[in-house]
Amino acid sequence: MNRQGYSILEAVVAMTIFAIGLLALSQSYFGVMRAQVVARNQELATQCARDRLEEIVNAVSYASIIEGNFPDEGYGEIDAGDPKFEQFARTVAINDSLNAINQSVLKEVTVSVTWQTVAGTRDVTLNTVVARYRDVQL
């Protein structure tokens, strides 16, 4: 029996194998795209938290580092509504650490940025400590 060319069955099998390979490749492509979006949001949230933390650390004086001067910001309120931050909300917590005579000597500053994803709420939290003695002139 002399065969020339491919039968229909062979062509269907070859196309099925090709389609399965293409499907697997497209799944990995979309997985990479999702990971890229997650990484970008993580980067923006970290930048947003770091900006607020630097603003607090560079405050005019130790006494001005209070939560009232650095209010929480809801979705779409960060950096005067900057569109790249519209999906984020930012909160600030400032806790005094008192010495033996009840004076504030350290302030623990925590800045949290949250955002919503399909999988739920994600967040980035940064902490630092500010010493009272930074205002003392030697």
N, C-alpha and C. Protein backbone atom coordinates (compact mmCIF):
# COMPACT_ATOMS: atom_id res chain seq x y z
N MET A 1 0.84 -1.17 0.00
CA MET A 1 0.00 0.00 0.00
C MET A 1 0.88 1.23 0.00
N ASN A 2 0.76 2.03 -0.95
CA ASN A 2 1.55 3.24 -1.11
C ASN A 2 0.73 4.43 -0.63
N ARG A 3 1.23 5.09 0.46
CA ARG A 3 0.47 6.22 1.01
C ARG A 3 1.17 7.51 0.63
N GLN A 4 0.42 8.45 0.23
CA GLN A 4 0.95 9.77 -0.04
C GLN A 4 0.11 10.77 0.73
N GLY A 5 0.80 11.66 1.52
CA GLY A 5 0.09 12.65 2.30
C GLY A 5 -0.39 12.09 3.62
N TYR A 6 -1.23 12.84 4.31
CA TYR A 6 -1.74 12.48 5.62
C TYR A 6 -3.23 12.19 5.54
N SER A 7 -3.65 11.28 6.38
CA SER A 7 -5.08 11.01 6.43
C SER A 7 -5.74 12.08 7.30
N ILE A 8 -7.03 12.14 7.25
CA ILE A 8 -7.79 13.10 8.04
C ILE A 8 -7.58 12.83 9.52
N LEU A 9 -7.52 11.60 9.91
CA LEU A 9 -7.33 11.23 11.30
C LEU A 9 -5.97 11.74 11.81
N GLU A 10 -4.94 11.59 11.02
CA GLU A 10 -3.61 12.08 11.41
C GLU A 10 -3.61 13.60 11.54
N ALA A 11 -4.29 14.27 10.66
CA ALA A 11 -4.37 15.74 10.72
C ALA A 11 -5.12 16.19 11.97
N VAL A 12 -6.21 15.52 12.32
CA VAL A 12 -6.99 15.87 13.50
C VAL A 12 -6.16 15.64 14.77
N VAL A 13 -5.44 14.53 14.82
CA VAL A 13 -4.58 14.24 15.97
C VAL A 13 -3.49 15.30 16.10
N ALA A 14 -2.87 15.67 15.01
CA ALA A 14 -1.82 16.70 15.02
C ALA A 14 -2.38 18.05 15.47
N MET A 15 -3.57 18.41 14.98
CA MET A 15 -4.18 19.68 15.38
C MET A 15 -4.57 19.67 16.85
N THR A 16 -5.02 18.53 17.36
CA THR A 16 -5.38 18.42 18.77
C THR A 16 -4.16 18.60 19.66
N ILE A 17 -3.07 17.95 19.30
CA ILE A 17 -1.83 18.10 20.06
C ILE A 17 -1.35 19.56 20.02
N PHE A 18 -1.42 20.17 18.87
CA PHE A 18 -1.04 21.58 18.73
C PHE A 18 -1.93 22.48 19.58
N ALA A 19 -3.23 22.23 19.61
CA ALA A 19 -4.17 23.04 20.39
C ALA A 19 -3.90 22.90 21.88
N ILE A 20 -3.61 21.68 22.34
CA ILE A 20 -3.30 21.47 23.75
C ILE A 20 -2.04 22.23 24.13
N GLY A 21 -1.03 22.17 23.30
CA GLY A 21 0.21 22.92 23.55
C GLY A 21 -0.03 24.42 23.57
N LEU A 22 -0.84 24.91 22.66
CA LEU A 22 -1.17 26.34 22.60
C LEU A 22 -1.96 26.77 23.83
N LEU A 23 -2.87 25.93 24.29
CA LEU A 23 -3.64 26.23 25.49
C LEU A 23 -2.72 26.33 26.71
N ALA A 24 -1.80 25.41 26.85
CA ALA A 24 -0.85 25.45 27.98
C ALA A 24 0.01 26.70 27.91
N LEU A 25 0.43 27.06 26.74
CA LEU A 25 1.24 28.26 26.56
C LEU A 25 0.46 29.52 26.90
N SER A 26 -0.80 29.58 26.50
CA SER A 26 -1.61 30.77 26.80
C SER A 26 -1.89 30.88 28.30
N GLN A 27 -2.07 29.75 28.98
CA GLN A 27 -2.29 29.78 30.43
C GLN A 27 -1.07 30.36 31.14
N SER A 28 0.12 29.96 30.72
CA SER A 28 1.32 30.50 31.37
C SER A 28 1.49 31.98 31.03
N TYR A 29 1.11 32.40 29.84
CA TYR A 29 1.18 33.81 29.47
C TYR A 29 0.28 34.64 30.37
N PHE A 30 -0.97 34.19 30.58
CA PHE A 30 -1.89 34.93 31.42
C PHE A 30 -1.46 34.91 32.88
N GLY A 31 -0.82 33.82 33.31
CA GLY A 31 -0.28 33.77 34.67
C GLY A 31 0.82 34.80 34.86
N VAL A 32 1.66 34.96 33.86
CA VAL A 32 2.72 35.97 33.93
C VAL A 32 2.12 37.37 33.94
N MET A 33 1.09 37.59 33.16
CA MET A 33 0.44 38.91 33.13
C MET A 33 -0.18 39.24 34.48
N ARG A 34 -0.83 38.27 35.13
CA ARG A 34 -1.40 38.49 36.46
C ARG A 34 -0.31 38.80 37.48
N ALA A 35 0.79 38.07 37.40
CA ALA A 35 1.90 38.31 38.32
C ALA A 35 2.49 39.70 38.12
N GLN A 36 2.51 40.17 36.89
CA GLN A 36 3.02 41.51 36.60
C GLN A 36 2.11 42.58 37.22
N VAL A 37 0.82 42.39 37.16
CA VAL A 37 -0.12 43.34 37.76
C VAL A 37 0.04 43.36 39.28
N VAL A 38 0.18 42.18 39.88
CA VAL A 38 0.38 42.09 41.33
C VAL A 38 1.67 42.80 41.73
N ALA A 39 2.73 42.57 40.98
CA ALA A 39 4.03 43.21 41.29
C ALA A 39 3.95 44.72 41.14
N ARG A 40 3.26 45.20 40.13
CA ARG A 40 3.12 46.65 39.91
C ARG A 40 2.33 47.29 41.06
N ASN A 41 1.25 46.65 41.47
CA ASN A 41 0.47 47.18 42.59
C ASN A 41 1.27 47.17 43.87
N GLN A 42 2.04 46.13 44.09
CA GLN A 42 2.89 46.04 45.28
C GLN A 42 3.93 47.17 45.27
N GLU A 43 4.49 47.42 44.11
CA GLU A 43 5.48 48.50 43.97
C GLU A 43 4.85 49.87 44.25
N LEU A 44 3.68 50.12 43.68
CA LEU A 44 3.00 51.41 43.90
C LEU A 44 2.59 51.58 45.36
N ALA A 45 2.11 50.51 45.98
CA ALA A 45 1.71 50.59 47.39
C ALA A 45 2.92 50.86 48.28
N THR A 46 4.03 50.23 47.99
CA THR A 46 5.25 50.46 48.76
C THR A 46 5.73 51.90 48.58
N GLN A 47 5.68 52.41 47.36
CA GLN A 47 6.05 53.80 47.10
C GLN A 47 5.15 54.76 47.87
N CYS A 48 3.86 54.47 47.87
CA CYS A 48 2.88 55.30 48.55
C CYS A 48 3.14 55.32 50.06
N ALA A 49 3.42 54.16 50.65
CA ALA A 49 3.72 54.08 52.08
C ALA A 49 5.04 54.78 52.40
N ARG A 50 6.03 54.58 51.58
CA ARG A 50 7.35 55.20 51.81
C ARG A 50 7.25 56.72 51.72
N ASP A 51 6.48 57.24 50.77
CA ASP A 51 6.32 58.69 50.64
C ASP A 51 5.74 59.30 51.93
N ARG A 52 4.69 58.65 52.48
CA ARG A 52 4.08 59.17 53.69
C ARG A 52 5.04 59.03 54.87
N LEU A 53 5.76 57.93 54.95
CA LEU A 53 6.72 57.72 56.04
C LEU A 53 7.82 58.78 56.01
N GLU A 54 8.32 59.09 54.84
CA GLU A 54 9.33 60.14 54.71
C GLU A 54 8.78 61.50 55.09
N GLU A 55 7.54 61.76 54.71
CA GLU A 55 6.89 63.02 55.08
C GLU A 55 6.81 63.16 56.60
N ILE A 56 6.48 62.07 57.27
CA ILE A 56 6.36 62.10 58.73
C ILE A 56 7.73 62.26 59.38
N VAL A 57 8.71 61.49 58.94
CA VAL A 57 10.05 61.55 59.52
C VAL A 57 10.67 62.94 59.33
N ASN A 58 10.36 63.58 58.22
CA ASN A 58 10.90 64.91 57.93
C ASN A 58 10.00 66.04 58.42
N ALA A 59 9.10 65.74 59.34
CA ALA A 59 8.20 66.77 59.89
C ALA A 59 9.03 67.88 60.54
N VAL A 60 8.42 69.04 60.65
CA VAL A 60 9.09 70.22 61.18
C VAL A 60 9.69 69.98 62.55
N SER A 61 8.93 69.35 63.41
CA SER A 61 9.42 69.09 64.77
C SER A 61 8.86 67.78 65.28
N TYR A 62 9.46 67.29 66.33
CA TYR A 62 9.00 66.04 66.96
C TYR A 62 7.56 66.19 67.44
N ALA A 63 7.24 67.34 68.00
CA ALA A 63 5.90 67.56 68.54
C ALA A 63 4.82 67.54 67.45
N SER A 64 5.20 67.84 66.20
CA SER A 64 4.22 67.86 65.12
C SER A 64 3.93 66.47 64.55
N ILE A 65 4.62 65.46 65.04
CA ILE A 65 4.38 64.09 64.57
C ILE A 65 3.23 63.50 65.38
N ILE A 66 2.03 63.83 64.95
CA ILE A 66 0.80 63.30 65.56
C ILE A 66 -0.14 62.86 64.43
N GLU A 67 -1.02 61.93 64.75
CA GLU A 67 -1.91 61.40 63.72
C GLU A 67 -2.79 62.48 63.08
N GLY A 68 -3.15 63.50 63.85
CA GLY A 68 -3.99 64.57 63.31
C GLY A 68 -3.34 65.32 62.16
N ASN A 69 -2.01 65.37 62.14
CA ASN A 69 -1.30 66.05 61.05
C ASN A 69 -1.11 65.16 59.83
N PHE A 70 -1.38 63.88 59.98
CA PHE A 70 -1.21 62.92 58.89
C PHE A 70 -2.44 62.01 58.82
N PRO A 71 -3.56 62.57 58.37
CA PRO A 71 -4.83 61.84 58.41
C PRO A 71 -4.85 60.65 57.44
N ASP A 72 -5.72 59.70 57.75
CA ASP A 72 -5.92 58.56 56.85
C ASP A 72 -6.52 59.06 55.54
N GLU A 73 -6.21 58.36 54.47
CA GLU A 73 -6.72 58.72 53.14
C GLU A 73 -7.41 57.51 52.53
N GLY A 74 -8.63 57.73 52.05
CA GLY A 74 -9.40 56.65 51.44
C GLY A 74 -9.02 56.45 49.98
N TYR A 75 -9.72 55.53 49.35
CA TYR A 75 -9.48 55.25 47.94
C TYR A 75 -9.73 56.51 47.11
N GLY A 76 -8.78 56.85 46.26
CA GLY A 76 -8.89 58.01 45.39
C GLY A 76 -8.50 59.33 46.03
N GLU A 77 -8.04 59.33 47.28
CA GLU A 77 -7.68 60.57 47.98
C GLU A 77 -6.17 60.80 48.09
N ILE A 78 -5.37 59.81 47.80
CA ILE A 78 -3.92 59.91 48.00
C ILE A 78 -3.31 60.83 46.94
N ASP A 79 -2.41 61.70 47.40
CA ASP A 79 -1.71 62.66 46.53
C ASP A 79 -2.69 63.46 45.67
N ALA A 80 -3.68 64.03 46.33
CA ALA A 80 -4.68 64.89 45.69
C ALA A 80 -5.37 64.18 44.53
N GLY A 81 -5.66 62.91 44.71
CA GLY A 81 -6.39 62.16 43.69
C GLY A 81 -5.56 61.74 42.50
N ASP A 82 -4.24 61.61 42.67
CA ASP A 82 -3.37 61.15 41.59
C ASP A 82 -3.93 59.82 41.05
N PRO A 83 -4.22 59.74 39.74
CA PRO A 83 -4.85 58.54 39.18
C PRO A 83 -4.07 57.25 39.42
N LYS A 84 -2.75 57.32 39.50
CA LYS A 84 -2.01 56.07 39.68
C LYS A 84 -2.19 55.50 41.09
N PHE A 85 -2.69 56.31 42.04
CA PHE A 85 -2.93 55.84 43.39
C PHE A 85 -4.42 55.68 43.73
N GLU A 86 -5.31 55.79 42.74
CA GLU A 86 -6.74 55.80 43.03
C GLU A 86 -7.26 54.49 43.62
N GLN A 87 -6.57 53.40 43.42
CA GLN A 87 -7.04 52.11 43.95
C GLN A 87 -6.51 51.80 45.34
N PHE A 88 -5.78 52.75 45.94
CA PHE A 88 -5.16 52.52 47.24
C PHE A 88 -5.78 53.38 48.34
N ALA A 89 -5.75 52.88 49.55
CA ALA A 89 -6.12 53.64 50.74
C ALA A 89 -4.92 53.58 51.69
N ARG A 90 -4.69 54.67 52.44
CA ARG A 90 -3.50 54.75 53.29
C ARG A 90 -3.89 55.16 54.70
N THR A 91 -3.36 54.45 55.70
CA THR A 91 -3.61 54.78 57.10
C THR A 91 -2.28 54.99 57.81
N VAL A 92 -2.34 55.83 58.85
CA VAL A 92 -1.16 56.14 59.66
C VAL A 92 -1.49 55.90 61.12
N ALA A 93 -0.58 55.23 61.82
CA ALA A 93 -0.71 55.06 63.27
C ALA A 93 0.59 55.53 63.90
N ILE A 94 0.46 56.40 64.91
CA ILE A 94 1.64 56.93 65.62
C ILE A 94 1.46 56.65 67.10
N ASN A 95 2.39 55.93 67.68
CA ASN A 95 2.33 55.57 69.09
C ASN A 95 3.53 56.14 69.83
N ASP A 96 3.26 56.82 70.94
CA ASP A 96 4.33 57.38 71.77
C ASP A 96 4.91 56.31 72.68
N SER A 97 6.22 56.39 72.85
CA SER A 97 6.90 55.54 73.82
C SER A 97 7.40 56.48 74.92
N LEU A 98 6.91 56.28 76.15
CA LEU A 98 7.18 57.22 77.23
C LEU A 98 8.36 56.73 78.08
N ASN A 99 9.10 57.71 78.63
CA ASN A 99 10.20 57.36 79.55
C ASN A 99 9.67 57.30 80.99
N ALA A 100 10.57 57.19 81.95
CA ALA A 100 10.18 57.01 83.36
C ALA A 100 9.42 58.21 83.92
N ILE A 101 9.64 59.40 83.37
CA ILE A 101 8.94 60.58 83.88
C ILE A 101 7.79 60.99 82.95
N ASN A 102 7.29 60.00 82.19
CA ASN A 102 6.11 60.18 81.36
C ASN A 102 6.30 61.19 80.22
N GLN A 103 7.50 61.28 79.69
CA GLN A 103 7.76 62.14 78.52
C GLN A 103 7.90 61.26 77.29
N SER A 104 7.40 61.77 76.18
CA SER A 104 7.52 61.04 74.92
C SER A 104 8.96 61.16 74.43
N VAL A 105 9.62 60.02 74.26
CA VAL A 105 11.00 60.02 73.79
C VAL A 105 11.15 59.35 72.43
N LEU A 106 10.19 58.50 72.07
CA LEU A 106 10.19 57.82 70.78
C LEU A 106 8.76 57.76 70.26
N LYS A 107 8.64 57.82 68.95
CA LYS A 107 7.33 57.64 68.32
C LYS A 107 7.48 56.52 67.30
N GLU A 108 6.66 55.50 67.47
CA GLU A 108 6.63 54.42 66.50
C GLU A 108 5.60 54.79 65.44
N VAL A 109 6.03 54.84 64.20
CA VAL A 109 5.16 55.25 63.10
C VAL A 109 4.92 54.04 62.20
N THR A 110 3.64 53.79 61.93
CA THR A 110 3.24 52.68 61.04
C THR A 110 2.37 53.25 59.94
N VAL A 111 2.76 52.99 58.71
CA VAL A 111 1.97 53.41 57.55
C VAL A 111 1.54 52.15 56.80
N SER A 112 0.22 52.02 56.60
CA SER A 112 -0.32 50.87 55.88
C SER A 112 -1.05 51.35 54.63
N VAL A 113 -0.84 50.64 53.55
CA VAL A 113 -1.53 50.92 52.29
C VAL A 113 -2.26 49.65 51.88
N THR A 114 -3.56 49.78 51.59
CA THR A 114 -4.35 48.62 51.18
C THR A 114 -4.95 48.85 49.80
N TRP A 115 -5.25 47.74 49.13
CA TRP A 115 -5.93 47.80 47.84
C TRP A 115 -6.68 46.48 47.64
N GLN A 116 -7.67 46.54 46.76
CA GLN A 116 -8.51 45.37 46.48
C GLN A 116 -8.03 44.66 45.23
N THR A 117 -8.07 43.33 45.28
CA THR A 117 -7.80 42.51 44.10
C THR A 117 -8.95 41.53 43.95
N VAL A 118 -8.92 40.78 42.90
CA VAL A 118 -9.94 39.75 42.69
C VAL A 118 -9.86 38.72 43.82
N ALA A 119 -8.65 38.46 44.30
CA ALA A 119 -8.44 37.46 45.35
C ALA A 119 -8.73 38.01 46.75
N GLY A 120 -8.98 39.30 46.88
CA GLY A 120 -9.24 39.90 48.19
C GLY A 120 -8.41 41.14 48.44
N THR A 121 -8.33 41.53 49.70
CA THR A 121 -7.59 42.74 50.08
C THR A 121 -6.13 42.42 50.28
N ARG A 122 -5.27 43.27 49.74
CA ARG A 122 -3.82 43.14 49.93
C ARG A 122 -3.35 44.39 50.65
N ASP A 123 -2.18 44.32 51.30
CA ASP A 123 -1.66 45.50 51.98
C ASP A 123 -0.15 45.47 52.08
N VAL A 124 0.39 46.66 52.28
CA VAL A 124 1.81 46.87 52.55
C VAL A 124 1.88 47.71 53.81
N THR A 125 2.72 47.32 54.75
CA THR A 125 2.89 48.07 56.00
C THR A 125 4.36 48.34 56.23
N LEU A 126 4.68 49.62 56.47
CA LEU A 126 6.05 50.03 56.79
C LEU A 126 6.07 50.67 58.18
N ASN A 127 7.13 50.41 58.94
CA ASN A 127 7.28 50.95 60.30
C ASN A 127 8.62 51.65 60.43
N THR A 128 8.65 52.64 61.30
CA THR A 128 9.92 53.27 61.68
C THR A 128 9.75 53.85 63.08
N VAL A 129 10.85 54.28 63.66
CA VAL A 129 10.84 54.92 64.97
C VAL A 129 11.52 56.27 64.82
N VAL A 130 10.89 57.31 65.40
CA VAL A 130 11.45 58.66 65.37
C VAL A 130 11.81 59.03 66.80
N ALA A 131 13.06 59.50 66.99
CA ALA A 131 13.52 59.87 68.33
C ALA A 131 13.27 61.34 68.60
N ARG A 132 12.93 61.64 69.83
CA ARG A 132 12.67 63.03 70.23
C ARG A 132 13.94 63.87 70.13
N TYR A 133 15.04 63.29 70.37
CA TYR A 133 16.29 64.03 70.49
C TYR A 133 16.84 64.52 69.15
N ARG A 134 16.16 64.28 68.10
CA ARG A 134 16.62 64.79 66.80
C ARG A 134 16.49 66.31 66.73
N ASP A 135 15.61 66.91 67.58
CA ASP A 135 15.40 68.35 67.58
C ASP A 135 16.45 69.09 68.43
N VAL A 136 17.23 68.36 69.20
CA VAL A 136 18.19 68.99 70.11
C VAL A 136 19.40 69.48 69.32
N GLN A 137 19.73 70.73 69.50
CA GLN A 137 20.90 71.33 68.85
C GLN A 137 22.11 71.19 69.77
N LEU A 138 23.19 70.69 69.27
CA LEU A 138 24.41 70.54 70.09
C LEU A 138 25.35 71.69 69.85
